[in-house]
């Protein structure tokens, strides 16, 4: 049986809603972890003003614990 993975993002882009399209994460022994998220907005967002903005990505697998 295949695992089902659900991911959501909570980020404040001036109150404009965004959709999480894709999340990729990698981690190696003695290496920093890297998380990349592709998001989409139906309205224009000034990205320069959003640099340094925090975001929370929540990942669930088959209704198990959040990560």
N, C-alpha and C. Protein backbone atom coordinates (compact mmCIF):
# COMPACT_ATOMS: atom_id res chain seq x y z
N UNK A 1 0.85 -1.18 0.00
CA UNK A 1 0.00 0.00 0.00
C UNK A 1 0.90 1.25 0.00
N UNK A 2 0.59 2.18 -0.85
CA UNK A 2 1.39 3.41 -0.98
C UNK A 2 1.09 4.36 0.17
N UNK A 3 2.13 5.05 0.61
CA UNK A 3 1.96 6.07 1.64
C UNK A 3 1.39 7.34 1.03
N UNK A 4 0.54 8.02 1.77
CA UNK A 4 0.01 9.30 1.34
C UNK A 4 0.65 10.39 2.18
N UNK A 5 1.22 11.37 1.51
CA UNK A 5 1.91 12.45 2.20
C UNK A 5 1.17 13.76 1.91
N UNK A 6 0.86 14.50 2.97
CA UNK A 6 0.19 15.78 2.86
C UNK A 6 1.13 16.87 3.35
N UNK A 7 1.20 17.97 2.64
CA UNK A 7 2.05 19.09 3.05
C UNK A 7 1.27 20.39 2.92
N UNK A 8 1.47 21.27 3.91
CA UNK A 8 0.85 22.60 3.87
C UNK A 8 1.92 23.62 4.22
N UNK A 9 1.67 24.87 3.85
CA UNK A 9 2.61 25.94 4.17
C UNK A 9 1.85 27.09 4.82
N UNK A 10 2.47 27.68 5.82
CA UNK A 10 1.92 28.85 6.48
C UNK A 10 2.96 29.96 6.32
N UNK A 11 2.65 30.94 5.49
CA UNK A 11 3.57 32.04 5.23
C UNK A 11 2.75 33.30 5.02
N UNK A 12 3.26 34.41 5.48
CA UNK A 12 2.53 35.68 5.38
C UNK A 12 3.12 36.52 4.25
N UNK A 13 2.46 36.57 3.12
CA UNK A 13 2.85 37.41 2.00
C UNK A 13 1.88 38.58 1.93
N UNK A 14 1.91 39.42 2.92
CA UNK A 14 1.01 40.58 2.94
C UNK A 14 -0.45 40.17 2.99
N UNK A 15 -0.74 39.03 3.61
CA UNK A 15 -2.11 38.56 3.72
C UNK A 15 -2.65 37.89 2.47
N UNK A 16 -1.80 37.71 1.47
CA UNK A 16 -2.23 37.09 0.22
C UNK A 16 -2.05 35.58 0.30
N UNK A 17 -3.07 34.81 -0.09
CA UNK A 17 -2.96 33.35 0.02
C UNK A 17 -2.01 32.77 -1.03
N UNK A 18 -1.33 31.69 -0.66
CA UNK A 18 -0.45 30.98 -1.58
C UNK A 18 -0.75 29.50 -1.51
N UNK A 19 -0.42 28.78 -2.58
CA UNK A 19 -0.59 27.33 -2.65
C UNK A 19 0.78 26.68 -2.66
N UNK A 20 0.93 25.62 -1.91
CA UNK A 20 2.17 24.85 -1.90
C UNK A 20 2.13 23.88 -3.07
N UNK A 21 3.08 24.00 -3.99
CA UNK A 21 3.11 23.17 -5.19
C UNK A 21 4.01 21.95 -4.98
N UNK A 22 5.20 22.19 -4.40
CA UNK A 22 6.16 21.10 -4.26
C UNK A 22 7.11 21.40 -3.11
N UNK A 23 7.51 20.36 -2.38
CA UNK A 23 8.50 20.49 -1.32
C UNK A 23 9.58 19.44 -1.56
N UNK A 24 10.83 19.86 -1.45
CA UNK A 24 11.94 18.94 -1.58
C UNK A 24 12.89 19.19 -0.41
N UNK A 25 13.31 18.13 0.25
CA UNK A 25 14.23 18.27 1.39
C UNK A 25 15.35 17.25 1.24
N UNK A 26 16.56 17.68 1.63
CA UNK A 26 17.69 16.75 1.60
C UNK A 26 18.57 17.00 2.82
N UNK A 27 19.23 15.93 3.25
CA UNK A 27 20.09 16.00 4.41
C UNK A 27 21.15 14.92 4.26
N UNK A 28 22.36 15.24 4.58
CA UNK A 28 23.44 14.27 4.49
C UNK A 28 24.26 14.26 5.76
N UNK A 29 25.01 13.21 5.94
CA UNK A 29 25.86 13.08 7.10
C UNK A 29 26.87 14.23 7.13
N UNK A 30 26.92 14.96 8.22
CA UNK A 30 27.81 16.11 8.40
C UNK A 30 27.54 17.23 7.40
N UNK A 31 26.31 17.33 6.92
CA UNK A 31 25.91 18.39 5.99
C UNK A 31 24.67 19.08 6.54
N UNK A 32 24.52 20.34 6.21
CA UNK A 32 23.32 21.07 6.57
C UNK A 32 22.13 20.52 5.78
N UNK A 33 20.95 20.59 6.37
CA UNK A 33 19.77 20.19 5.62
C UNK A 33 19.29 21.35 4.77
N UNK A 34 18.66 21.03 3.64
CA UNK A 34 18.15 22.03 2.72
C UNK A 34 16.69 21.70 2.43
N UNK A 35 15.84 22.70 2.55
CA UNK A 35 14.43 22.54 2.21
C UNK A 35 14.08 23.56 1.14
N UNK A 36 13.50 23.10 0.05
CA UNK A 36 13.09 23.97 -1.04
C UNK A 36 11.58 23.80 -1.25
N UNK A 37 10.86 24.92 -1.32
CA UNK A 37 9.41 24.86 -1.51
C UNK A 37 9.03 25.73 -2.71
N UNK A 38 8.25 25.17 -3.60
CA UNK A 38 7.68 25.93 -4.71
C UNK A 38 6.27 26.32 -4.31
N UNK A 39 5.97 27.62 -4.38
CA UNK A 39 4.64 28.10 -4.03
C UNK A 39 4.07 28.90 -5.20
N UNK A 40 2.75 29.01 -5.21
CA UNK A 40 2.07 29.73 -6.29
C UNK A 40 1.05 30.67 -5.65
N UNK A 41 0.96 31.87 -6.22
CA UNK A 41 -0.02 32.85 -5.77
C UNK A 41 -0.81 33.33 -6.98
N UNK A 42 -2.10 33.48 -6.80
CA UNK A 42 -2.93 33.97 -7.89
C UNK A 42 -2.86 35.49 -8.03
N UNK A 43 -2.27 36.14 -7.03
CA UNK A 43 -2.09 37.59 -7.09
C UNK A 43 -0.60 37.91 -7.09
N UNK A 44 -0.25 39.10 -7.53
CA UNK A 44 1.15 39.50 -7.59
C UNK A 44 1.70 39.73 -6.19
N UNK A 45 2.92 39.23 -5.96
CA UNK A 45 3.58 39.37 -4.66
C UNK A 45 4.93 40.04 -4.89
N UNK A 46 5.24 41.07 -4.09
CA UNK A 46 6.53 41.72 -4.16
C UNK A 46 7.52 40.88 -3.36
N UNK A 47 8.28 40.02 -4.03
CA UNK A 47 9.17 39.10 -3.34
C UNK A 47 10.31 39.79 -2.62
N UNK A 48 10.82 40.89 -3.15
CA UNK A 48 11.93 41.60 -2.51
C UNK A 48 11.56 42.03 -1.09
N UNK A 49 10.33 42.45 -0.89
CA UNK A 49 9.91 42.91 0.44
C UNK A 49 9.66 41.73 1.38
N UNK A 50 9.64 40.52 0.86
CA UNK A 50 9.36 39.33 1.67
C UNK A 50 10.61 38.57 2.10
N UNK A 51 11.80 39.02 1.65
CA UNK A 51 13.03 38.34 2.03
C UNK A 51 13.18 38.33 3.54
N UNK A 52 13.53 37.19 4.10
CA UNK A 52 13.67 37.06 5.54
C UNK A 52 12.38 36.71 6.25
N UNK A 53 11.28 36.59 5.53
CA UNK A 53 10.00 36.22 6.12
C UNK A 53 10.02 34.74 6.50
N UNK A 54 9.54 34.43 7.67
CA UNK A 54 9.52 33.03 8.10
C UNK A 54 8.35 32.28 7.47
N UNK A 55 8.52 30.98 7.35
CA UNK A 55 7.48 30.12 6.81
C UNK A 55 7.49 28.81 7.59
N UNK A 56 6.34 28.19 7.71
CA UNK A 56 6.23 26.89 8.36
C UNK A 56 5.65 25.90 7.37
N UNK A 57 6.39 24.82 7.10
CA UNK A 57 5.90 23.74 6.25
C UNK A 57 5.58 22.57 7.17
N UNK A 58 4.34 22.08 7.11
CA UNK A 58 3.90 20.95 7.92
C UNK A 58 3.71 19.75 7.00
N UNK A 59 4.31 18.63 7.38
CA UNK A 59 4.21 17.42 6.55
C UNK A 59 3.63 16.30 7.40
N UNK A 60 2.61 15.64 6.86
CA UNK A 60 1.99 14.48 7.51
C UNK A 60 2.05 13.30 6.55
N UNK A 61 2.26 12.13 7.11
CA UNK A 61 2.27 10.92 6.29
C UNK A 61 1.24 9.96 6.87
N UNK A 62 0.22 9.64 6.09
CA UNK A 62 -0.82 8.70 6.50
C UNK A 62 -1.37 9.02 7.89
N UNK A 63 -1.66 10.28 8.16
CA UNK A 63 -2.21 10.74 9.44
C UNK A 63 -1.31 10.43 10.63
N UNK A 64 -0.02 10.26 10.39
CA UNK A 64 0.92 10.04 11.48
C UNK A 64 1.36 11.38 12.04
N UNK A 65 2.35 11.37 12.90
CA UNK A 65 2.83 12.58 13.56
C UNK A 65 3.31 13.60 12.53
N UNK A 66 3.13 14.87 12.89
CA UNK A 66 3.60 15.96 12.03
C UNK A 66 5.10 16.06 12.12
N UNK A 67 5.72 16.60 11.05
CA UNK A 67 7.16 16.77 11.03
C UNK A 67 7.47 18.20 10.69
